[in-house]
Protein backbone atom coordinates (compact mmCIF):
# COMPACT_ATOMS: atom_id res chain seq x y z
CA UNK A 1 -71.53 36.56 -6.50
CA UNK A 2 -68.40 36.28 -8.67
CA UNK A 3 -65.04 35.17 -7.37
CA UNK A 4 -63.72 38.67 -7.97
CA UNK A 5 -66.36 40.20 -5.70
CA UNK A 6 -65.65 37.63 -3.05
CA UNK A 7 -61.99 38.57 -3.16
CA UNK A 8 -62.85 42.26 -2.91
CA UNK A 9 -65.12 41.61 0.07
CA UNK A 10 -62.50 39.66 1.98
CA UNK A 11 -61.00 42.78 3.55
CA UNK A 12 -64.21 44.81 3.61
CA UNK A 13 -64.88 46.32 7.02
CA UNK A 14 -61.37 45.69 8.33
CA UNK A 15 -60.21 49.28 7.88
CA UNK A 16 -58.76 50.90 11.01
CA UNK A 17 -58.33 54.57 11.96
CA UNK A 18 -54.95 56.14 11.26
CA UNK A 19 -54.27 56.61 14.97
CA UNK A 20 -54.81 52.90 15.56
CA UNK A 21 -52.26 52.13 12.84
CA UNK A 22 -49.76 54.37 14.61
CA UNK A 23 -50.42 52.61 17.91
CA UNK A 24 -49.93 49.23 16.25
CA UNK A 25 -46.68 50.47 14.69
CA UNK A 26 -45.52 51.70 18.09
CA UNK A 27 -46.25 48.33 19.68
CA UNK A 28 -44.39 46.44 16.97
CA UNK A 29 -41.38 48.74 17.27
CA UNK A 30 -41.36 48.19 21.03
CA UNK A 31 -41.51 44.43 20.51
CA UNK A 32 -38.54 44.73 18.14
CA UNK A 33 -36.58 46.68 20.75
CA UNK A 34 -37.46 44.12 23.43
CA UNK A 35 -36.31 41.32 21.14
CA UNK A 36 -32.99 43.09 20.49
CA UNK A 37 -32.50 43.67 24.21
CA UNK A 38 -33.13 40.01 25.03
CA UNK A 39 -30.81 38.85 22.25
CA UNK A 40 -28.14 41.31 23.39
CA UNK A 41 -28.45 40.19 27.02
CA UNK A 42 -28.13 36.52 26.04
CA UNK A 43 -25.05 37.18 23.91
CA UNK A 44 -23.52 39.41 26.61
CA UNK A 45 -23.90 36.51 29.06
CA UNK A 46 -22.53 33.93 26.60
CA UNK A 47 -20.23 33.99 24.77
CA UNK A 48 -19.82 37.65 25.73
CA UNK A 49 -18.32 40.50 23.66
CA UNK A 50 -14.79 39.10 24.03
CA UNK A 51 -15.96 35.66 22.96
CA UNK A 52 -17.64 37.12 19.87
CA UNK A 53 -14.47 39.00 18.95
CA UNK A 54 -12.40 35.84 19.38
CA UNK A 55 -14.84 33.92 17.17
CA UNK A 56 -14.88 36.37 14.27
CA UNK A 57 -11.08 36.72 14.51
CA UNK A 58 -10.53 32.98 13.92
CA UNK A 59 -10.19 33.24 10.09
CA UNK A 60 -7.48 35.91 10.15
CA UNK A 61 -5.59 34.53 13.16
CA UNK A 62 -5.30 31.21 11.36
CA UNK A 63 -2.98 32.98 8.90
CA UNK A 64 -0.97 34.95 11.48
CA UNK A 65 2.01 33.79 13.55
CA UNK A 66 0.97 31.74 16.61
CA UNK A 67 1.75 34.48 19.11
CA UNK A 68 0.48 37.38 16.99
CA UNK A 69 -2.66 39.27 17.96
CA UNK A 70 -4.86 41.93 16.44
CA UNK A 71 -4.07 45.40 17.73
CA UNK A 72 -6.28 48.24 18.97
CA UNK A 73 -4.98 51.59 17.75
CA UNK A 74 -7.71 53.87 19.09
CA UNK A 75 -7.99 54.76 22.78
CA UNK A 76 -11.62 53.64 23.01
CA UNK A 77 -11.36 50.84 20.45
CA UNK A 78 -11.20 48.03 23.06
CA UNK A 79 -14.62 49.17 24.34
CA UNK A 80 -16.51 50.28 21.25
CA UNK A 81 -15.51 47.49 18.84
CA UNK A 82 -16.77 44.61 21.05
CA UNK A 83 -19.94 46.62 21.68
CA UNK A 84 -20.44 47.08 17.93
CA UNK A 85 -19.96 43.37 17.34
CA UNK A 86 -22.38 42.54 20.16
CA UNK A 87 -25.08 44.79 18.67
CA UNK A 88 -24.61 43.28 15.21
CA UNK A 89 -24.77 39.75 16.60
CA UNK A 90 -27.91 40.64 18.60
CA UNK A 91 -29.55 41.95 15.43
CA UNK A 92 -28.75 38.72 13.57
CA UNK A 93 -29.97 36.55 16.44
CA UNK A 94 -33.23 38.50 16.65
CA UNK A 95 -33.72 38.72 12.87
CA UNK A 96 -36.56 36.15 12.65
CA UNK A 97 -38.34 37.92 15.51
CA UNK A 98 -37.92 41.32 13.83
CA UNK A 99 -39.24 39.95 10.54
CA UNK A 100 -42.16 38.39 12.38
CA UNK A 101 -43.09 41.77 13.86
CA UNK A 102 -43.07 43.29 10.39
CA UNK A 103 -45.29 40.44 9.26
CA UNK A 104 -47.73 41.00 12.14
CA UNK A 105 -47.97 44.68 11.25
CA UNK A 106 -48.81 44.15 7.58
CA UNK A 107 -50.75 40.88 7.87
CA UNK A 108 -54.19 42.48 8.59
CA UNK A 109 -54.03 44.21 5.21
CA UNK A 110 -53.23 41.06 3.23
CA UNK A 111 -55.58 38.67 1.50
CA UNK A 112 -55.59 35.04 2.56
CA UNK A 113 -53.62 33.90 -0.51
CA UNK A 114 -51.01 36.59 0.19
CA UNK A 115 -50.63 35.43 3.79
CA UNK A 116 -49.80 31.96 2.55
CA UNK A 117 -46.56 33.10 0.96
CA UNK A 118 -45.57 36.06 3.15
CA UNK A 119 -44.64 34.07 6.25
CA UNK A 120 -42.60 31.41 4.39
CA UNK A 121 -40.71 34.16 2.57
CA UNK A 122 -39.81 35.78 5.90
CA UNK A 123 -38.52 32.46 7.20
CA UNK A 124 -36.51 31.57 4.09
CA UNK A 125 -35.21 35.12 3.77
CA UNK A 126 -33.81 34.92 7.30
CA UNK A 127 -32.30 31.50 6.63
CA UNK A 128 -30.64 32.73 3.43
CA UNK A 129 -29.14 35.66 5.34
CA UNK A 130 -27.72 33.25 7.94
CA UNK A 131 -26.34 31.00 5.20
CA UNK A 132 -24.66 33.97 3.50
CA UNK A 133 -23.00 35.10 6.73
CA UNK A 134 -21.91 31.55 7.58
CA UNK A 135 -20.45 31.25 4.08
CA UNK A 136 -18.35 34.34 4.73
CA UNK A 137 -17.19 33.19 8.16
CA UNK A 138 -16.30 29.60 7.34
CA UNK A 139 -15.15 29.82 3.72
CA UNK A 140 -14.64 33.27 2.20
CA UNK A 141 -12.51 34.83 4.96
CA UNK A 142 -10.21 31.84 5.22
CA UNK A 143 -9.58 31.70 1.46
CA UNK A 144 -9.28 35.49 1.22
CA UNK A 145 -6.67 35.80 3.98
CA UNK A 146 -4.73 32.83 2.61
CA UNK A 147 -4.64 34.58 -0.77
CA UNK A 148 -3.57 37.90 0.75
CA UNK A 149 -0.93 36.26 2.92
CA UNK A 150 0.90 35.03 -0.19
CA UNK A 151 1.56 38.64 -1.19
CA UNK A 152 2.78 39.79 2.24
CA UNK A 153 6.57 40.38 2.19
CA UNK A 154 8.58 38.41 4.72
CA UNK A 155 9.87 41.69 6.20
CA UNK A 156 6.34 42.92 6.97
CA UNK A 157 4.50 41.91 10.15
CA UNK A 158 0.79 41.62 9.36
CA UNK A 159 -0.90 42.85 12.57
CA UNK A 160 -4.23 44.36 11.50
CA UNK A 161 -6.16 46.84 13.60
CA UNK A 162 -9.22 45.22 15.19
CA UNK A 163 -11.47 48.17 14.29
CA UNK A 164 -10.47 47.97 10.62
CA UNK A 165 -10.86 44.20 10.61
CA UNK A 166 -14.33 44.26 12.18
CA UNK A 167 -15.50 46.99 9.81
CA UNK A 168 -14.28 44.97 6.82
CA UNK A 169 -15.90 41.69 7.79
CA UNK A 170 -19.16 43.32 8.87
CA UNK A 171 -19.41 44.87 5.41
CA UNK A 172 -18.86 41.40 3.95
CA UNK A 173 -21.53 39.92 6.23
CA UNK A 174 -24.02 42.54 5.06
CA UNK A 175 -23.05 42.18 1.39
CA UNK A 176 -23.39 38.39 1.38
CA UNK A 177 -26.52 38.42 3.56
CA UNK A 178 -28.22 40.74 1.06
CA UNK A 179 -26.81 38.98 -2.01
CA UNK A 180 -28.20 35.67 -0.82
CA UNK A 181 -31.69 37.21 -1.01
CA UNK A 182 -31.59 36.92 -4.82
CA UNK A 183 -34.07 33.99 -4.92
CA UNK A 184 -36.55 35.94 -2.78
CA UNK A 185 -36.32 38.99 -5.06
CA UNK A 186 -36.71 36.87 -8.19
CA UNK A 187 -39.74 35.07 -6.75
CA UNK A 188 -41.45 38.32 -5.76
CA UNK A 189 -40.78 39.97 -9.12
CA UNK A 190 -42.32 36.99 -10.90
CA UNK A 191 -45.19 36.59 -8.44
CA UNK A 192 -46.38 40.18 -8.76
CA UNK A 193 -46.14 40.08 -12.53
CA UNK A 194 -43.35 42.64 -12.85
CA UNK A 195 -41.40 40.18 -15.01
CA UNK A 196 -42.26 36.85 -16.59
CA UNK A 197 -40.37 33.60 -16.16
CA UNK A 198 -39.33 33.82 -19.81
CA UNK A 199 -37.90 37.30 -19.24
CA UNK A 200 -35.96 36.06 -16.21
CA UNK A 201 -34.49 33.22 -18.26
CA UNK A 202 -33.50 35.53 -21.11
CA UNK A 203 -31.87 37.90 -18.59
CA UNK A 204 -29.40 35.23 -17.41
CA UNK A 205 -26.46 36.56 -19.39
CA UNK A 206 -27.02 40.12 -18.19
CA UNK A 207 -27.38 38.98 -14.58
CA UNK A 208 -23.99 37.26 -14.70
CA UNK A 209 -22.43 40.60 -15.69
CA UNK A 210 -24.41 42.40 -12.96
CA UNK A 211 -23.31 39.82 -10.37
CA UNK A 212 -19.62 40.27 -11.17
CA UNK A 213 -19.94 44.06 -11.20
CA UNK A 214 -21.67 44.03 -7.81
CA UNK A 215 -19.05 41.63 -6.43
CA UNK A 216 -16.24 43.89 -7.67
CA UNK A 217 -17.81 46.92 -5.98
CA UNK A 218 -18.82 45.53 -2.57
CA UNK A 219 -15.97 43.09 -1.86
CA UNK A 220 -12.27 43.75 -1.15
CA UNK A 221 -9.99 43.99 -4.21
CA UNK A 222 -9.09 40.32 -4.30
CA UNK A 223 -10.29 37.76 -6.80
CA UNK A 224 -11.23 35.16 -4.17
CA UNK A 225 -13.94 37.19 -2.43
CA UNK A 226 -15.24 38.53 -5.75
CA UNK A 227 -15.68 35.05 -7.18
CA UNK A 228 -17.10 33.82 -3.86
CA UNK A 229 -19.88 36.40 -4.13
CA UNK A 230 -20.54 36.44 -7.88
CA UNK A 231 -20.76 32.67 -8.42
CA UNK A 232 -23.29 32.01 -5.62
CA UNK A 233 -25.38 34.94 -6.88
CA UNK A 234 -25.57 33.33 -10.32
CA UNK A 235 -26.50 29.96 -8.81
CA UNK A 236 -29.11 31.59 -6.55
CA UNK A 237 -30.59 33.37 -9.57
CA UNK A 238 -31.19 30.00 -11.23
CA UNK A 239 -32.68 28.65 -8.01
CA UNK A 240 -34.93 31.72 -7.87
CA UNK A 241 -36.24 31.09 -11.39
CA UNK A 242 -37.00 27.47 -10.54
CA UNK A 243 -38.63 28.38 -7.22
CA UNK A 244 -40.65 31.19 -8.80
CA UNK A 245 -42.47 28.75 -11.07
CA UNK A 246 -43.56 26.65 -8.09
CA UNK A 247 -44.25 29.75 -5.99
CA UNK A 248 -46.58 31.28 -8.58
CA UNK A 249 -48.48 28.04 -8.99
CA UNK A 250 -49.21 27.60 -5.28
CA UNK A 251 -49.93 31.23 -4.34
CA UNK A 252 -52.42 32.25 -6.98
CA UNK A 253 -55.42 34.36 -6.00
CA UNK A 254 -58.84 32.71 -6.45
CA UNK A 255 -59.67 34.86 -9.49
CA UNK A 256 -56.33 34.00 -11.07
CA UNK A 257 -57.06 30.30 -10.69
CA UNK A 258 -60.51 30.82 -12.19
CA UNK A 259 -59.11 32.74 -15.17
CA UNK A 260 -56.40 30.13 -15.73
CA UNK A 261 -58.94 27.31 -15.59
CA UNK A 262 -61.25 29.15 -17.97
CA UNK A 263 -58.43 29.77 -20.44
CA UNK A 264 -57.46 26.09 -20.33
CA UNK A 265 -61.07 25.03 -20.95
CA UNK A 266 -61.45 27.47 -23.82
CA UNK A 267 -58.23 26.19 -25.36
CA UNK A 268 -59.74 22.73 -25.44
CA UNK A 269 -57.94 19.39 -25.72
């Protein structure tokens, strides 16, 4: 039996009825909800919604007068904003668990060589999202508010609304968390043969333009945050090209390895 037939037979007989797929999807969704509830309960206990607000407010308060505080304009803002932050933090805390549930749902339909790279990608994708958000919290916001503060007239008291502030930084968290997935996207595009490594290398110049356009659209209108997003995207693109070459080599299907070996033998010394 050829290697191709062996690969085709690997999933033979594993088909499940449609209703069973729906039941599996229901179970995975319930597990996701349970994970979010546990993460939310832990964060509600410590540091609590107020503690989370105080933590995310550190970058802007560092550039406000010592006694100044963020204000709450809306009547229900003091309740809904901390709740929104708590839910977002719970989602981030439970992200590896949520990705694992997605993995468990699709894993039965994957070949063994596909399973080898799916789980590591989930792990590294989660880590890159965390790194992107940490980059915003500990670097971008501080530099951005320092830049903005230079343009604030002395006669103006900068007391931002907490709802506006939270909405702005959450959008930055999401933008950077997604932008830091560039290596994962590059690796998958190369792995599934949608583009070649040579095409990715030749696309460098265009990607730099794309990165700066994306940064200009999704970040506030200040040069600091735009550069802070565009430059890491360009660096991550290069990392993605490098990682894709290793990724392709170590996640080949059996028939791909056979074909590659045969082509090398036919080429001769």
